[in-house]
Amino acid sequence: MYPSTEVLKYLLERDGSTRDITFRPAARWRLIAFCEQLLSKYSIESLSDSEGEDQAEALKVHDWETLFGSSCGHSFGVFRSDSAIIQRLLCFVDWDLSDHSEYEVELSFFPTDLCPTTFTLPAFRELVEEWRTVLGADDYFVRQENASWDLYDSTGLGVIYTHLRPPLH
């Protein structure tokens, strides 16, 4: 993997693409715990399912069956916090329509969404590890969004680091 200085450069580079953190797999109860944690630190800007239906109220009242019990297969939300190191966070959750036992969570942000006064690489890594623990994910990938990404390929183009292959010191 890359040295920490390169990781920092890739996270902060304003190239017009998002940085994505992909966690997998996550059990439903862990996804619910993650949503509760997210709501404790972020406000909901928007949330919709794959049909485009507004799901923000369902999240606010913790209506998990409406959010994750449907056959829609995914939801997409935008969250905001003035106090977090990632101030604007895009959240995409998807699941197999035939089996609701595993969920994938992708969190995305633009480099401009990072708080300039509180962002540090150690704080970022700590936050991502906290999310991994809550989600119970075996691994995660921090990557630059790019068109050649193969789903869940931790060695693919654009991967900056993974839980199993952290930045070098």
Protein backbone atom coordinates (compact mmCIF):
# COMPACT_ATOMS: atom_id res chain seq x y z
CA MET A 1 0.00 0.00 0.00
CA TYR A 2 0.93 3.64 -0.10
CA PRO A 3 2.85 5.58 2.54
CA SER A 4 0.75 7.85 4.77
CA THR A 5 1.92 10.97 2.91
CA GLU A 6 0.58 9.56 -0.38
CA VAL A 7 -2.69 8.49 1.25
CA LEU A 8 -3.18 12.02 2.55
CA LYS A 9 -2.44 13.44 -0.90
CA TYR A 10 -4.98 11.11 -2.55
CA LEU A 11 -7.66 11.94 0.02
CA LEU A 12 -7.20 15.71 -0.34
CA GLU A 13 -6.58 16.01 -4.08
CA ARG A 14 -9.35 18.09 -5.66
CA ASP A 15 -9.77 16.22 -8.91
CA GLY A 16 -13.57 16.31 -9.15
CA SER A 17 -14.04 12.71 -8.05
CA THR A 18 -15.40 11.36 -4.79
CA ARG A 19 -13.56 9.31 -2.23
CA ASP A 20 -15.47 6.17 -1.37
CA ILE A 21 -15.30 3.95 1.68
CA THR A 22 -16.90 0.60 0.96
CA PHE A 23 -17.73 -1.74 3.84
CA ARG A 24 -18.86 -5.33 3.38
CA PRO A 25 -20.53 -7.41 4.51
CA ALA A 26 -22.73 -6.05 7.30
CA ALA A 27 -25.58 -7.82 9.06
CA ARG A 28 -28.91 -6.02 9.28
CA TRP A 29 -28.68 -5.41 13.04
CA ARG A 30 -25.23 -3.89 12.55
CA LEU A 31 -26.54 -1.66 9.77
CA ILE A 32 -29.25 -0.45 12.16
CA ALA A 33 -26.60 0.31 14.82
CA PHE A 34 -24.62 2.24 12.19
CA CYS A 35 -27.71 4.26 11.20
CA GLU A 36 -28.35 5.13 14.84
CA GLN A 37 -24.74 6.25 15.26
CA LEU A 38 -24.91 8.27 12.03
CA LEU A 39 -28.08 10.03 13.20
CA SER A 40 -26.40 10.96 16.49
CA LYS A 41 -23.74 12.95 14.60
CA TYR A 42 -25.34 13.94 11.29
CA SER A 43 -28.60 15.48 10.13
CA ILE A 44 -30.46 14.06 7.14
CA GLU A 45 -30.39 16.22 4.04
CA SER A 46 -32.17 13.62 1.90
CA LEU A 47 -32.81 9.87 1.75
CA SER A 48 -34.52 7.88 -0.98
CA ASP A 49 -34.95 4.28 -2.05
CA SER A 50 -34.35 2.82 -5.51
CA GLU A 51 -37.84 3.90 -6.56
CA GLY A 52 -37.04 7.52 -5.69
CA GLU A 53 -39.39 7.48 -2.70
CA ASP A 54 -38.45 9.80 0.16
CA GLN A 55 -37.34 7.71 3.15
CA ALA A 56 -35.98 10.44 5.45
CA GLU A 57 -38.93 10.26 7.84
CA ALA A 58 -38.63 6.47 8.10
CA LEU A 59 -35.01 6.89 9.16
CA LYS A 60 -35.83 9.63 11.66
CA VAL A 61 -38.41 7.41 13.40
CA HIS A 62 -36.25 4.27 13.10
CA ASP A 63 -38.70 2.44 10.85
CA TRP A 64 -36.15 -0.19 9.83
CA GLU A 65 -38.67 -2.44 8.09
CA THR A 66 -39.65 0.35 5.70
CA LEU A 67 -36.00 1.19 5.07
CA PHE A 68 -34.40 -2.24 4.73
CA GLY A 69 -37.23 -4.74 4.54
CA SER A 70 -38.42 -3.73 1.13
CA SER A 71 -37.54 -5.39 -2.10
CA CYS A 72 -36.10 -2.15 -3.47
CA GLY A 73 -32.54 -3.30 -2.98
CA HIS A 74 -30.87 -0.01 -2.14
CA SER A 75 -31.16 3.40 -0.56
CA PHE A 76 -29.18 6.60 -0.98
CA GLY A 77 -28.83 9.41 1.54
CA VAL A 78 -27.02 12.68 2.04
CA PHE A 79 -26.03 13.66 5.57
CA ARG A 80 -24.50 16.84 6.99
CA SER A 81 -22.63 17.80 10.15
CA ASP A 82 -20.80 21.01 10.98
CA SER A 83 -18.75 19.29 13.69
CA ALA A 84 -17.63 16.07 11.95
CA ILE A 85 -14.34 15.72 10.08
CA ILE A 86 -16.39 14.69 7.02
CA GLN A 87 -19.02 17.42 6.97
CA ARG A 88 -21.10 16.15 4.05
CA LEU A 89 -21.45 12.41 3.64
CA LEU A 90 -23.17 10.48 0.87
CA CYS A 91 -24.40 7.06 1.99
CA PHE A 92 -25.38 4.23 -0.33
CA VAL A 93 -26.69 0.92 1.08
CA ASP A 94 -27.54 -2.04 -1.09
CA TRP A 95 -28.65 -5.60 -0.47
CA ASP A 96 -29.61 -8.74 -2.32
CA LEU A 97 -33.32 -8.68 -3.09
CA SER A 98 -33.69 -12.39 -2.36
CA ASP A 99 -31.65 -12.43 0.86
CA HIS A 100 -31.76 -9.58 3.35
CA SER A 101 -29.00 -11.01 5.56
CA GLU A 102 -26.04 -9.02 4.21
CA TYR A 103 -25.76 -5.36 3.33
CA GLU A 104 -23.03 -3.35 1.67
CA VAL A 105 -22.44 0.22 2.78
CA GLU A 106 -20.58 2.80 0.71
CA LEU A 107 -19.84 6.22 2.17
CA SER A 108 -18.65 8.89 -0.25
CA PHE A 109 -17.38 12.41 0.06
CA PHE A 110 -15.55 15.01 -1.97
CA PRO A 111 -12.24 16.37 -0.65
CA THR A 112 -14.00 19.72 -0.14
CA ASP A 113 -16.35 17.98 2.33
CA LEU A 114 -13.48 17.44 4.77
CA CYS A 115 -13.33 19.92 7.65
CA PRO A 116 -10.16 21.97 7.09
CA THR A 117 -9.65 22.67 10.80
CA THR A 118 -10.12 19.16 12.22
CA PHE A 119 -9.21 16.73 9.44
CA THR A 120 -6.06 14.69 9.99
CA LEU A 121 -5.18 11.28 8.57
CA PRO A 122 -5.09 9.63 12.04
CA ALA A 123 -8.53 11.08 12.89
CA PHE A 124 -9.89 9.92 9.53
CA ARG A 125 -8.52 6.41 9.96
CA GLU A 126 -9.93 6.25 13.48
CA LEU A 127 -13.37 7.29 12.22
CA VAL A 128 -13.33 4.73 9.40
CA GLU A 129 -12.23 2.01 11.83
CA GLU A 130 -15.05 3.02 14.20
CA TRP A 131 -17.55 2.62 11.36
CA ARG A 132 -16.02 -0.76 10.41
CA THR A 133 -16.40 -1.96 13.99
CA VAL A 134 -20.03 -0.84 14.25
CA LEU A 135 -20.82 -2.46 10.90
CA GLY A 136 -18.86 -5.60 11.80
CA ALA A 137 -17.35 -5.53 8.32
CA ASP A 138 -14.50 -7.91 7.55
CA ASP A 139 -12.81 -5.32 5.39
CA TYR A 140 -13.26 -1.92 3.81
CA PHE A 141 -11.76 -0.13 0.84
CA VAL A 142 -10.90 3.55 0.72
CA ARG A 143 -10.65 4.52 -2.91
CA GLN A 144 -10.91 7.27 -5.46
CA GLU A 145 -14.04 6.92 -7.57
CA ASN A 146 -13.15 5.83 -11.07
CA ALA A 147 -14.83 4.14 -14.00
CA SER A 148 -12.58 1.07 -13.94
CA TRP A 149 -13.56 -0.02 -10.42
CA ASP A 150 -14.48 -3.70 -10.16
CA LEU A 151 -16.93 -4.32 -7.33
CA TYR A 152 -15.16 -5.16 -4.09
CA ASP A 153 -11.75 -5.68 -5.73
CA SER A 154 -9.32 -4.51 -3.06
CA THR A 155 -6.40 -4.55 -5.52
CA GLY A 156 -8.17 -2.63 -8.28
CA LEU A 157 -7.38 0.77 -9.68
CA GLY A 158 -8.11 3.68 -7.40
CA VAL A 159 -7.83 1.78 -4.10
CA ILE A 160 -5.92 4.00 -1.67
CA TYR A 161 -5.89 1.60 1.28
CA THR A 162 -7.92 -1.13 2.93
CA HIS A 163 -8.46 -2.31 6.49
CA LEU A 164 -6.33 -5.37 5.71
CA ARG A 165 -3.70 -3.30 3.86
CA PRO A 166 -3.37 -0.01 5.78
CA PRO A 167 -1.11 2.91 4.85
CA LEU A 168 2.59 2.42 5.45
CA HIS A 169 4.24 4.61 8.07
